[in-house]
Amino acid sequence: MGNSLFKLTSFNLNGLRSATTKGLEDWLALEQPDCICVQEIKAQAQDIRPRLEQLAGMQGHFQFAEKKGYSGVGIYTRHEPSDVVIGFDGGEFDAEGRYVELRFDTPTRKLSLISSYFPSGSSSEERQQAKFRFLNVVHPHLMALKSTREFVLCGDINIAHQEIDLKNWKGNLKNSGFLPEERAWMDQLLHPTEPTGGLVDVYRRLHPETTADCYTWWSNRGQARAKNVGWRIDYHVATPALAATAQHAHVFKERWFSDHAPLTVEYGFQM
């Protein structure tokens, strides 16, 4: 393995406290990522202090939702950031705890790691509208960021981009997570030449054809996990220069800590 690669994991925990009772910390101690971006921590500051402020030797930085037991994101890192940015919109979505960014800037480089939890629209039409509002505000934010720095956004984006990204795509064409408008948003974000795009889906860069092995989330209903009726909704989305350094991507499914599986990518950059 060596220390030449930077190991970055994205993981929707479906509850930080829940995942730690299932052995998350032991797994992290074994895997030794440089950094893990976590989503849906479902905790407040007082729930985390002091026990869960660090995990497996990594320091955590968080944005909590105002609502208890809801959303929340964090990044645990072995490396000291030069700056910590909590939130991005100063309003509706910061109140929901959906964005934390660590900056690792040097005199010669600007680099950020972001953990973000995009809204799910599956519970109601009202939440679907909130999801569209989020997509509308996060897109220009990411474009502005791309114009000034390199970054990797790790997150549960709650959108399966293409037919190969979910088992039952035909049955989900009218369902949240695979709506034409959501997929079009991903098309735009990942468009290689448009000025309103230019970001890279790192897993797909490394595994352009993979389908059954690419899923990162399974419903708790109808033996979805046993039958591998899954969705790929967790991503590493990176600026082209960082994406080009990615060498390995792996969805870990040997143990379960959540209804999602962690997605780890090894990059050829250093902190």
C-alpha atoms as a PDB file:
ATOM      1  CA  MET A   1       0.000   0.000   0.000  1.00  0.00           C
ATOM      2  CA  GLY A   2       2.654   2.531   1.014  1.00  0.00           C
ATOM      3  CA  ASN A   3       1.885   6.129   1.909  1.00  0.00           C
ATOM      4  CA  SER A   4       1.960   7.447  -1.630  1.00  0.00           C
ATOM      5  CA  LEU A   5      -1.819   7.331  -2.103  1.00  0.00           C
ATOM      6  CA  PHE A   6      -4.410   9.425  -0.306  1.00  0.00           C
ATOM      7  CA  LYS A   7      -7.264   7.196   0.856  1.00  0.00           C
ATOM      8  CA  LEU A   8     -10.610   8.975   0.992  1.00  0.00           C
ATOM      9  CA  THR A   9     -13.900   7.362   2.042  1.00  0.00           C
ATOM     10  CA  SER A  10     -17.473   8.613   1.673  1.00  0.00           C
ATOM     11  CA  PHE A  11     -20.095   6.988   3.894  1.00  0.00           C
ATOM     12  CA  ASN A  12     -23.723   7.711   4.759  1.00  0.00           C
ATOM     13  CA  LEU A  13     -23.808   6.292   8.284  1.00  0.00           C
ATOM     14  CA  ASN A  14     -27.583   6.415   8.821  1.00  0.00           C
ATOM     15  CA  GLY A  15     -26.715   7.518  12.353  1.00  0.00           C
ATOM     16  CA  LEU A  16     -23.197   7.990  13.718  1.00  0.00           C
ATOM     17  CA  ARG A  17     -24.022   6.458  17.083  1.00  0.00           C
ATOM     18  CA  SER A  18     -25.781   3.521  15.409  1.00  0.00           C
ATOM     19  CA  ALA A  19     -22.836   2.848  13.063  1.00  0.00           C
ATOM     20  CA  THR A  20     -20.306   2.965  15.903  1.00  0.00           C
ATOM     21  CA  THR A  21     -22.277   0.336  17.851  1.00  0.00           C
ATOM     22  CA  LYS A  22     -21.928  -1.908  14.774  1.00  0.00           C
ATOM     23  CA  GLY A  23     -18.124  -1.738  14.708  1.00  0.00           C
ATOM     24  CA  LEU A  24     -17.416   1.282  12.518  1.00  0.00           C
ATOM     25  CA  GLU A  25     -14.391   2.366  14.534  1.00  0.00           C
ATOM     26  CA  ASP A  26     -12.732  -1.063  14.385  1.00  0.00           C
ATOM     27  CA  TRP A  27     -13.228  -1.093  10.627  1.00  0.00           C
ATOM     28  CA  LEU A  28     -11.696   2.383  10.276  1.00  0.00           C
ATOM     29  CA  ALA A  29      -8.724   1.339  12.409  1.00  0.00           C
ATOM     30  CA  LEU A  30      -8.208  -1.565  10.011  1.00  0.00           C
ATOM     31  CA  GLU A  31      -8.804   0.365   6.774  1.00  0.00           C
ATOM     32  CA  GLN A  32      -6.781   3.415   7.828  1.00  0.00           C
ATOM     33  CA  PRO A  33      -8.286   6.005   5.482  1.00  0.00           C
ATOM     34  CA  ASP A  34      -6.612   9.415   5.520  1.00  0.00           C
ATOM     35  CA  CYS A  35     -10.027  10.952   5.737  1.00  0.00           C
ATOM     36  CA  ILE A  36     -13.681   9.862   5.900  1.00  0.00           C
ATOM     37  CA  CYS A  37     -16.551  12.089   4.839  1.00  0.00           C
ATOM     38  CA  VAL A  38     -19.713  11.053   6.672  1.00  0.00           C
ATOM     39  CA  GLN A  39     -23.338  11.957   6.050  1.00  0.00           C
ATOM     40  CA  GLU A  40     -26.587  11.570   7.931  1.00  0.00           C
ATOM     41  CA  ILE A  41     -24.892  11.509  11.325  1.00  0.00           C
ATOM     42  CA  LYS A  42     -28.271  12.158  13.018  1.00  0.00           C
ATOM     43  CA  ALA A  43     -26.657  13.734  16.068  1.00  0.00           C
ATOM     44  CA  GLN A  44     -26.136  17.061  17.811  1.00  0.00           C
ATOM     45  CA  ALA A  45     -22.899  18.470  19.232  1.00  0.00           C
ATOM     46  CA  GLN A  46     -23.728  17.253  22.749  1.00  0.00           C
ATOM     47  CA  ASP A  47     -24.297  13.698  21.440  1.00  0.00           C
ATOM     48  CA  ILE A  48     -20.799  13.608  19.965  1.00  0.00           C
ATOM     49  CA  ARG A  49     -18.733  15.200  22.741  1.00  0.00           C
ATOM     50  CA  PRO A  50     -16.349  13.912  23.790  1.00  0.00           C
ATOM     51  CA  ARG A  51     -16.597  10.274  22.735  1.00  0.00           C
ATOM     52  CA  LEU A  52     -17.181  10.661  18.988  1.00  0.00           C
ATOM     53  CA  GLU A  53     -15.248  13.845  18.244  1.00  0.00           C
ATOM     54  CA  GLN A  54     -12.406  11.556  17.151  1.00  0.00           C
ATOM     55  CA  LEU A  55     -12.669   8.176  15.455  1.00  0.00           C
ATOM     56  CA  ALA A  56      -9.726   5.805  14.955  1.00  0.00           C
ATOM     57  CA  GLY A  57      -7.221   8.623  15.440  1.00  0.00           C
ATOM     58  CA  MET A  58      -8.977  11.071  13.122  1.00  0.00           C
ATOM     59  CA  GLN A  59     -10.358  14.452  14.209  1.00  0.00           C
ATOM     60  CA  GLY A  60     -13.960  15.233  13.312  1.00  0.00           C
ATOM     61  CA  HIS A  61     -15.427  18.489  11.975  1.00  0.00           C
ATOM     62  CA  PHE A  62     -19.215  18.708  11.707  1.00  0.00           C
ATOM     63  CA  GLN A  63     -22.305  20.557  10.622  1.00  0.00           C
ATOM     64  CA  PHE A  64     -25.314  19.536  12.665  1.00  0.00           C
ATOM     65  CA  ALA A  65     -28.945  19.913  11.649  1.00  0.00           C
ATOM     66  CA  GLU A  66     -31.130  22.093  13.853  1.00  0.00           C
ATOM     67  CA  LYS A  67     -33.694  19.291  13.970  1.00  0.00           C
ATOM     68  CA  LYS A  68     -32.733  16.483  16.340  1.00  0.00           C
ATOM     69  CA  GLY A  69     -31.999  13.036  14.902  1.00  0.00           C
ATOM     70  CA  TYR A  70     -31.869  14.430  11.367  1.00  0.00           C
ATOM     71  CA  SER A  71     -29.265  14.813   8.623  1.00  0.00           C
ATOM     72  CA  GLY A  72     -25.892  16.283   9.658  1.00  0.00           C
ATOM     73  CA  VAL A  73     -22.499  15.804   8.017  1.00  0.00           C
ATOM     74  CA  GLY A  74     -18.893  15.530   9.097  1.00  0.00           C
ATOM     75  CA  ILE A  75     -15.338  14.885   8.032  1.00  0.00           C
ATOM     76  CA  TYR A  76     -12.861  12.903  10.108  1.00  0.00           C
ATOM     77  CA  THR A  77      -9.268  13.582   9.093  1.00  0.00           C
ATOM     78  CA  ARG A  78      -5.699  12.607  10.017  1.00  0.00           C
ATOM     79  CA  HIS A  79      -4.421  15.846   8.530  1.00  0.00           C
ATOM     80  CA  GLU A  80      -4.835  19.305  10.025  1.00  0.00           C
ATOM     81  CA  PRO A  81      -6.895  21.526   7.693  1.00  0.00           C
ATOM     82  CA  SER A  82      -5.822  25.093   6.976  1.00  0.00           C
ATOM     83  CA  ASP A  83      -9.473  26.143   7.238  1.00  0.00           C
ATOM     84  CA  VAL A  84     -12.856  24.657   8.106  1.00  0.00           C
ATOM     85  CA  VAL A  85     -15.948  25.900   6.243  1.00  0.00           C
ATOM     86  CA  ILE A  86     -19.264  24.959   7.838  1.00  0.00           C
ATOM     87  CA  GLY A  87     -22.242  25.323   5.500  1.00  0.00           C
ATOM     88  CA  PHE A  88     -22.634  26.988   2.127  1.00  0.00           C
ATOM     89  CA  ASP A  89     -26.020  28.675   1.665  1.00  0.00           C
ATOM     90  CA  GLY A  90     -26.497  30.540   4.934  1.00  0.00           C
ATOM     91  CA  GLY A  91     -30.134  29.531   5.030  1.00  0.00           C
ATOM     92  CA  GLU A  92     -32.515  26.643   4.513  1.00  0.00           C
ATOM     93  CA  PHE A  93     -29.936  23.939   3.885  1.00  0.00           C
ATOM     94  CA  ASP A  94     -27.379  25.040   6.461  1.00  0.00           C
ATOM     95  CA  ALA A  95     -30.187  24.641   8.998  1.00  0.00           C
ATOM     96  CA  GLU A  96     -30.514  21.047   7.772  1.00  0.00           C
ATOM     97  CA  GLY A  97     -26.787  20.265   8.224  1.00  0.00           C
ATOM     98  CA  ARG A  98     -25.776  19.377   4.677  1.00  0.00           C
ATOM     99  CA  TYR A  99     -22.262  20.744   3.991  1.00  0.00           C
ATOM    100  CA  VAL A 100     -18.834  20.810   5.589  1.00  0.00           C
ATOM    101  CA  GLU A 101     -15.624  21.648   3.741  1.00  0.00           C
ATOM    102  CA  LEU A 102     -12.042  21.228   4.917  1.00  0.00           C
ATOM    103  CA  ARG A 103      -9.374  23.233   3.131  1.00  0.00           C
ATOM    104  CA  PHE A 104      -5.792  22.038   2.886  1.00  0.00           C
ATOM    105  CA  ASP A 105      -4.180  25.066   1.274  1.00  0.00           C
ATOM    106  CA  THR A 106      -0.470  25.629   0.781  1.00  0.00           C
ATOM    107  CA  PRO A 107       1.353  28.525  -0.901  1.00  0.00           C
ATOM    108  CA  THR A 108       1.268  26.557  -4.159  1.00  0.00           C
ATOM    109  CA  ARG A 109      -2.133  24.864  -3.996  1.00  0.00           C
ATOM    110  CA  LYS A 110      -5.760  25.303  -3.001  1.00  0.00           C
ATOM    111  CA  LEU A 111      -7.478  22.010  -2.185  1.00  0.00           C
ATOM    112  CA  SER A 112     -10.752  21.164  -0.434  1.00  0.00           C
ATOM    113  CA  LEU A 113     -12.485  18.008   0.724  1.00  0.00           C
ATOM    114  CA  ILE A 114     -16.256  18.342   1.072  1.00  0.00           C
ATOM    115  CA  SER A 115     -18.837  16.145   2.765  1.00  0.00           C
ATOM    116  CA  SER A 116     -22.376  16.821   1.602  1.00  0.00           C
ATOM    117  CA  TYR A 117     -25.746  15.176   2.108  1.00  0.00           C
ATOM    118  CA  PHE A 118     -28.183  16.060  -0.667  1.00  0.00           C
ATOM    119  CA  PRO A 119     -31.873  15.997   0.286  1.00  0.00           C
ATOM    120  CA  SER A 120     -34.009  12.966  -0.445  1.00  0.00           C
ATOM    121  CA  GLY A 121     -37.275  13.718  -2.190  1.00  0.00           C
ATOM    122  CA  SER A 122     -38.877  10.342  -1.666  1.00  0.00           C
ATOM    123  CA  SER A 123     -40.986  11.120   1.416  1.00  0.00           C
ATOM    124  CA  SER A 124     -43.211  13.842  -0.099  1.00  0.00           C
ATOM    125  CA  GLU A 125     -43.676  16.289  -2.956  1.00  0.00           C
ATOM    126  CA  GLU A 126     -42.693  19.028  -0.502  1.00  0.00           C
ATOM    127  CA  ARG A 127     -39.320  17.358   0.095  1.00  0.00           C
ATOM    128  CA  GLN A 128     -38.854  16.815  -3.643  1.00  0.00           C
ATOM    129  CA  GLN A 129     -39.272  20.568  -4.124  1.00  0.00           C
ATOM    130  CA  ALA A 130     -36.695  21.158  -1.376  1.00  0.00           C
ATOM    131  CA  LYS A 131     -34.358  18.785  -3.227  1.00  0.00           C
ATOM    132  CA  PHE A 132     -34.755  20.808  -6.431  1.00  0.00           C
ATOM    133  CA  ARG A 133     -34.067  24.020  -4.468  1.00  0.00           C
ATOM    134  CA  PHE A 134     -30.906  22.440  -3.065  1.00  0.00           C
ATOM    135  CA  LEU A 135     -29.709  21.402  -6.530  1.00  0.00           C
ATOM    136  CA  ASN A 136     -30.348  24.963  -7.732  1.00  0.00           C
ATOM    137  CA  VAL A 137     -28.199  26.535  -5.010  1.00  0.00           C
ATOM    138  CA  VAL A 138     -25.423  23.955  -4.707  1.00  0.00           C
ATOM    139  CA  HIS A 139     -24.644  23.960  -8.441  1.00  0.00           C
ATOM    140  CA  PRO A 140     -23.462  27.598  -8.719  1.00  0.00           C
ATOM    141  CA  HIS A 141     -21.642  27.168  -5.398  1.00  0.00           C
ATOM    142  CA  LEU A 142     -19.644  24.242  -6.809  1.00  0.00           C
ATOM    143  CA  MET A 143     -18.958  26.106 -10.047  1.00  0.00           C
ATOM    144  CA  ALA A 144     -17.616  29.101  -8.100  1.00  0.00           C
ATOM    145  CA  LEU A 145     -15.450  26.773  -6.031  1.00  0.00           C
ATOM    146  CA  LYS A 146     -14.132  25.031  -9.154  1.00  0.00           C
ATOM    147  CA  SER A 147     -12.979  28.388 -10.533  1.00  0.00           C
ATOM    148  CA  THR A 148     -10.717  28.987  -7.511  1.00  0.00           C
ATOM    149  CA  ARG A 149      -9.618  25.576  -6.124  1.00  0.00           C
ATOM    150  CA  GLU A 150      -9.334  21.836  -6.587  1.00  0.00           C
ATOM    151  CA  PHE A 151     -11.809  19.742  -4.611  1.00  0.00           C
ATOM    152  CA  VAL A 152     -13.384  16.362  -4.062  1.00  0.00           C
ATOM    153  CA  LEU A 153     -17.009  16.366  -2.955  1.00  0.00           C
ATOM    154  CA  CYS A 154     -17.920  13.139  -1.181  1.00  0.00           C
ATOM    155  CA  GLY A 155     -21.571  12.679  -0.621  1.00  0.00           C
ATOM    156  CA  ASP A 156     -24.882  10.968  -0.687  1.00  0.00           C
ATOM    157  CA  ILE A 157     -26.244  12.831  -3.698  1.00  0.00           C
ATOM    158  CA  ASN A 158     -29.499  10.860  -3.651  1.00  0.00           C
ATOM    159  CA  ILE A 159     -29.514  10.614  -7.455  1.00  0.00           C
ATOM    160  CA  ALA A 160     -28.729   7.555  -9.556  1.00  0.00           C
ATOM    161  CA  HIS A 161     -27.304   9.110 -12.690  1.00  0.00           C
ATOM    162  CA  GLN A 162     -27.676   6.434 -15.376  1.00  0.00           C
ATOM    163  CA  GLU A 163     -29.571   3.211 -15.990  1.00  0.00           C
ATOM    164  CA  ILE A 164     -26.510   1.189 -14.939  1.00  0.00           C
ATOM    165  CA  ASP A 165     -26.612   2.922 -11.538  1.00  0.00           C
ATOM    166  CA  LEU A 166     -29.649   1.083 -10.188  1.00  0.00           C
ATOM    167  CA  LYS A 167     -31.056  -2.403 -10.486  1.00  0.00           C
ATOM    168  CA  ASN A 168     -34.667  -1.584 -11.309  1.00  0.00           C
ATOM    169  CA  TRP A 169     -34.302   1.506 -13.486  1.00  0.00           C
ATOM    170  CA  LYS A 170     -37.449   0.899 -15.538  1.00  0.00           C
ATOM    171  CA  GLY A 171     -39.608   0.797 -12.418  1.00  0.00           C
ATOM    172  CA  ASN A 172     -38.079   4.014 -11.046  1.00  0.00           C
ATOM    173  CA  LEU A 173     -38.373   6.429 -13.969  1.00  0.00           C
ATOM    174  CA  LYS A 174     -41.016   8.448 -12.098  1.00  0.00           C
ATOM    175  CA  ASN A 175     -39.500   8.080  -8.627  1.00  0.00           C
ATOM    176  CA  SER A 176     -37.335  10.508  -6.683  1.00  0.00           C
ATOM    177  CA  GLY A 177     -33.668   9.703  -7.180  1.00  0.00           C
ATOM    178  CA  PHE A 178     -34.103   8.776 -10.841  1.00  0.00           C
ATOM    179  CA  LEU A 179     -36.299  11.579 -12.160  1.00  0.00           C
ATOM    180  CA  PRO A 180     -35.377  13.044 -15.568  1.00  0.00           C
ATOM    181  CA  GLU A 181     -34.789  16.483 -13.991  1.00  0.00           C
ATOM    182  CA  GLU A 182     -32.405  15.025 -11.390  1.00  0.00           C
ATOM    183  CA  ARG A 183     -30.485  13.038 -13.977  1.00  0.00           C
ATOM    184  CA  ALA A 184     -30.293  16.114 -16.222  1.00  0.00           C
ATOM    185  CA  TRP A 185     -28.786  18.027 -13.288  1.00  0.00           C
ATOM    186  CA  MET A 186     -26.077  15.341 -13.040  1.00  0.00           C
ATOM    187  CA  ASP A 187     -25.542  15.493 -16.814  1.00  0.00           C
ATOM    188  CA  GLN A 188     -24.895  19.218 -16.507  1.00  0.00           C
ATOM    189  CA  LEU A 189     -22.604  18.932 -13.477  1.00  0.00           C
ATOM    190  CA  LEU A 190     -20.492  16.253 -15.175  1.00  0.00           C
ATOM    191  CA  HIS A 191     -20.505  17.690 -18.694  1.00  0.00           C
ATOM    192  CA  PRO A 192     -16.871  17.538 -19.831  1.00  0.00           C
ATOM    193  CA  THR A 193     -16.776  20.783 -21.831  1.00  0.00           C
ATOM    194  CA  GLU A 194     -19.657  23.037 -20.732  1.00  0.00           C
ATOM    195  CA  PRO A 195     -18.687  25.945 -18.438  1.00  0.00           C
ATOM    196  CA  THR A 196     -21.581  24.946 -16.135  1.00  0.00           C
ATOM    197  CA  GLY A 197     -20.078  21.471 -15.741  1.00  0.00           C
ATOM    198  CA  GLY A 198     -16.599  20.045 -15.854  1.00  0.00           C
ATOM    199  CA  LEU A 199     -16.670  17.949 -12.691  1.00  0.00           C
ATOM    200  CA  VAL A 200     -15.857  14.229 -12.754  1.00  0.00           C
ATOM    201  CA  ASP A 201     -17.715  11.214 -11.319  1.00  0.00           C
ATOM    202  CA  VAL A 202     -14.595   9.474 -10.028  1.00  0.00           C
ATOM    203  CA  TYR A 203     -16.080   5.997  -9.636  1.00  0.00           C
ATOM    204  CA  ARG A 204     -17.315   6.077 -13.241  1.00  0.00           C
ATOM    205  CA  ARG A 205     -13.945   7.308 -14.460  1.00  0.00           C
ATOM    206  CA  LEU A 206     -12.411   4.122 -13.020  1.00  0.00           C
ATOM    207  CA  HIS A 207     -15.370   1.781 -13.634  1.00  0.00           C
ATOM    208  CA  PRO A 208     -17.319   3.069 -16.648  1.00  0.00           C
ATOM    209  CA  GLU A 209     -19.356  -0.103 -17.211  1.00  0.00           C
ATOM    210  CA  THR A 210     -19.826  -1.640 -13.747  1.00  0.00           C
ATOM    211  CA  THR A 211     -23.413  -2.178 -12.698  1.00  0.00           C
ATOM    212  CA  ALA A 212     -24.213  -4.825 -10.031  1.00  0.00           C
ATOM    213  CA  ASP A 213     -21.048  -4.044  -8.037  1.00  0.00           C
ATOM    214  CA  CYS A 214     -21.495  -0.272  -8.105  1.00  0.00           C
ATOM    215  CA  TYR A 215     -24.501   0.066  -5.771  1.00  0.00           C
ATOM    216  CA  THR A 216     -24.028   1.878  -2.463  1.00  0.00           C
ATOM    217  CA  TRP A 217     -27.556   1.849  -0.994  1.00  0.00           C
ATOM    218  CA  TRP A 218     -30.284  -0.749  -0.557  1.00  0.00           C
ATOM    219  CA  SER A 219     -33.833  -0.351   0.701  1.00  0.00           C
ATOM    220  CA  ASN A 220     -34.691  -2.060   3.966  1.00  0.00           C
ATOM    221  CA  ARG A 221     -37.744  -3.545   2.256  1.00  0.00           C
ATOM    222  CA  GLY A 222     -38.198  -6.793   0.346  1.00  0.00           C
ATOM    223  CA  GLN A 223     -34.751  -8.339   0.850  1.00  0.00           C
ATOM    224  CA  ALA A 224     -33.230  -5.659  -1.366  1.00  0.00           C
ATOM    225  CA  ARG A 225     -29.750  -6.182   0.057  1.00  0.00           C
ATOM    226  CA  ALA A 226     -29.875  -9.990  -0.176  1.00  0.00           C
ATOM    227  CA  LYS A 227     -31.032  -9.719  -3.797  1.00  0.00           C
ATOM    228  CA  ASN A 228     -28.695  -6.775  -4.535  1.00  0.00           C
ATOM    229  CA  VAL A 229     -31.561  -4.555  -5.656  1.00  0.00           C
ATOM    230  CA  GLY A 230     -29.465  -1.469  -5.093  1.00  0.00           C
ATOM    231  CA  TRP A 231     -28.797   2.102  -6.142  1.00  0.00           C
ATOM    232  CA  ARG A 232     -25.552   4.006  -6.684  1.00  0.00           C
ATOM    233  CA  ILE A 233     -26.308   7.299  -4.961  1.00  0.00           C
ATOM    234  CA  ASP A 234     -23.028   7.908  -3.086  1.00  0.00           C
ATOM    235  CA  TYR A 235     -20.297   9.646  -5.049  1.00  0.00           C
ATOM    236  CA  HIS A 236     -16.879  11.196  -5.203  1.00  0.00           C
ATOM    237  CA  VAL A 237     -17.251  14.197  -7.521  1.00  0.00           C
ATOM    238  CA  ALA A 238     -13.932  15.895  -8.224  1.00  0.00           C
ATOM    239  CA  THR A 239     -12.276  18.601 -10.255  1.00  0.00           C
ATOM    240  CA  PRO A 240     -10.553  17.068 -13.293  1.00  0.00           C
ATOM    241  CA  ALA A 241      -6.981  17.412 -12.001  1.00  0.00           C
ATOM    242  CA  LEU A 242      -7.764  15.519  -8.778  1.00  0.00           C
ATOM    243  CA  ALA A 243     -10.000  12.992 -10.537  1.00  0.00           C
ATOM    244  CA  ALA A 244      -7.121  12.191 -12.893  1.00  0.00           C
ATOM    245  CA  THR A 245      -5.025  11.007  -9.930  1.00  0.00           C
ATOM    246  CA  ALA A 246      -7.630   8.456  -8.745  1.00  0.00           C
ATOM    247  CA  GLN A 247      -6.282   4.918  -8.929  1.00  0.00           C
ATOM    248  CA  HIS A 248      -8.633   2.579  -7.072  1.00  0.00           C
ATOM    249  CA  ALA A 249     -12.311   2.743  -6.105  1.00  0.00           C
ATOM    250  CA  HIS A 250     -13.988   0.190  -3.882  1.00  0.00           C
ATOM    251  CA  VAL A 251     -17.461  -0.266  -2.401  1.00  0.00           C
ATOM    252  CA  PHE A 252     -17.049  -2.184   0.866  1.00  0.00           C
ATOM    253  CA  LYS A 253     -19.789  -4.764   1.444  1.00  0.00           C
ATOM    254  CA  GLU A 254     -18.150  -7.402   3.628  1.00  0.00           C
ATOM    255  CA  ARG A 255     -19.625  -5.888   6.796  1.00  0.00           C
ATOM    256  CA  TRP A 256     -22.644  -3.651   7.351  1.00  0.00           C
ATOM    257  CA  PHE A 257     -22.780  -0.534   9.487  1.00  0.00           C
ATOM    258  CA  SER A 258     -25.623   1.265   7.681  1.00  0.00           C
ATOM    259  CA  ASP A 259     -28.145   0.850   4.849  1.00  0.00           C
ATOM    260  CA  HIS A 260     -25.385   2.396   2.696  1.00  0.00           C
ATOM    261  CA  ALA A 261     -21.942   0.948   1.941  1.00  0.00           C
ATOM    262  CA  PRO A 262     -18.753   3.033   2.183  1.00  0.00           C
ATOM    263  CA  LEU A 263     -17.106   4.111  -1.067  1.00  0.00           C
ATOM    264  CA  THR A 264     -13.329   4.494  -0.873  1.00  0.00           C
ATOM    265  CA  VAL A 265     -11.115   6.012  -3.558  1.00  0.00           C
ATOM    266  CA  GLU A 266      -7.336   6.184  -3.464  1.00  0.00           C
ATOM    267  CA  TYR A 267      -5.851   9.312  -5.012  1.00  0.00           C
ATOM    268  CA  GLY A 268      -2.308  10.160  -6.028  1.00  0.00           C
ATOM    269  CA  PHE A 269      -2.149  13.472  -4.162  1.00  0.00           C
ATOM    270  CA  GLN A 270      -0.579  14.402  -0.847  1.00  0.00           C
ATOM    271  CA  MET A 271      -1.720  16.673   1.956  1.00  0.00           C
END
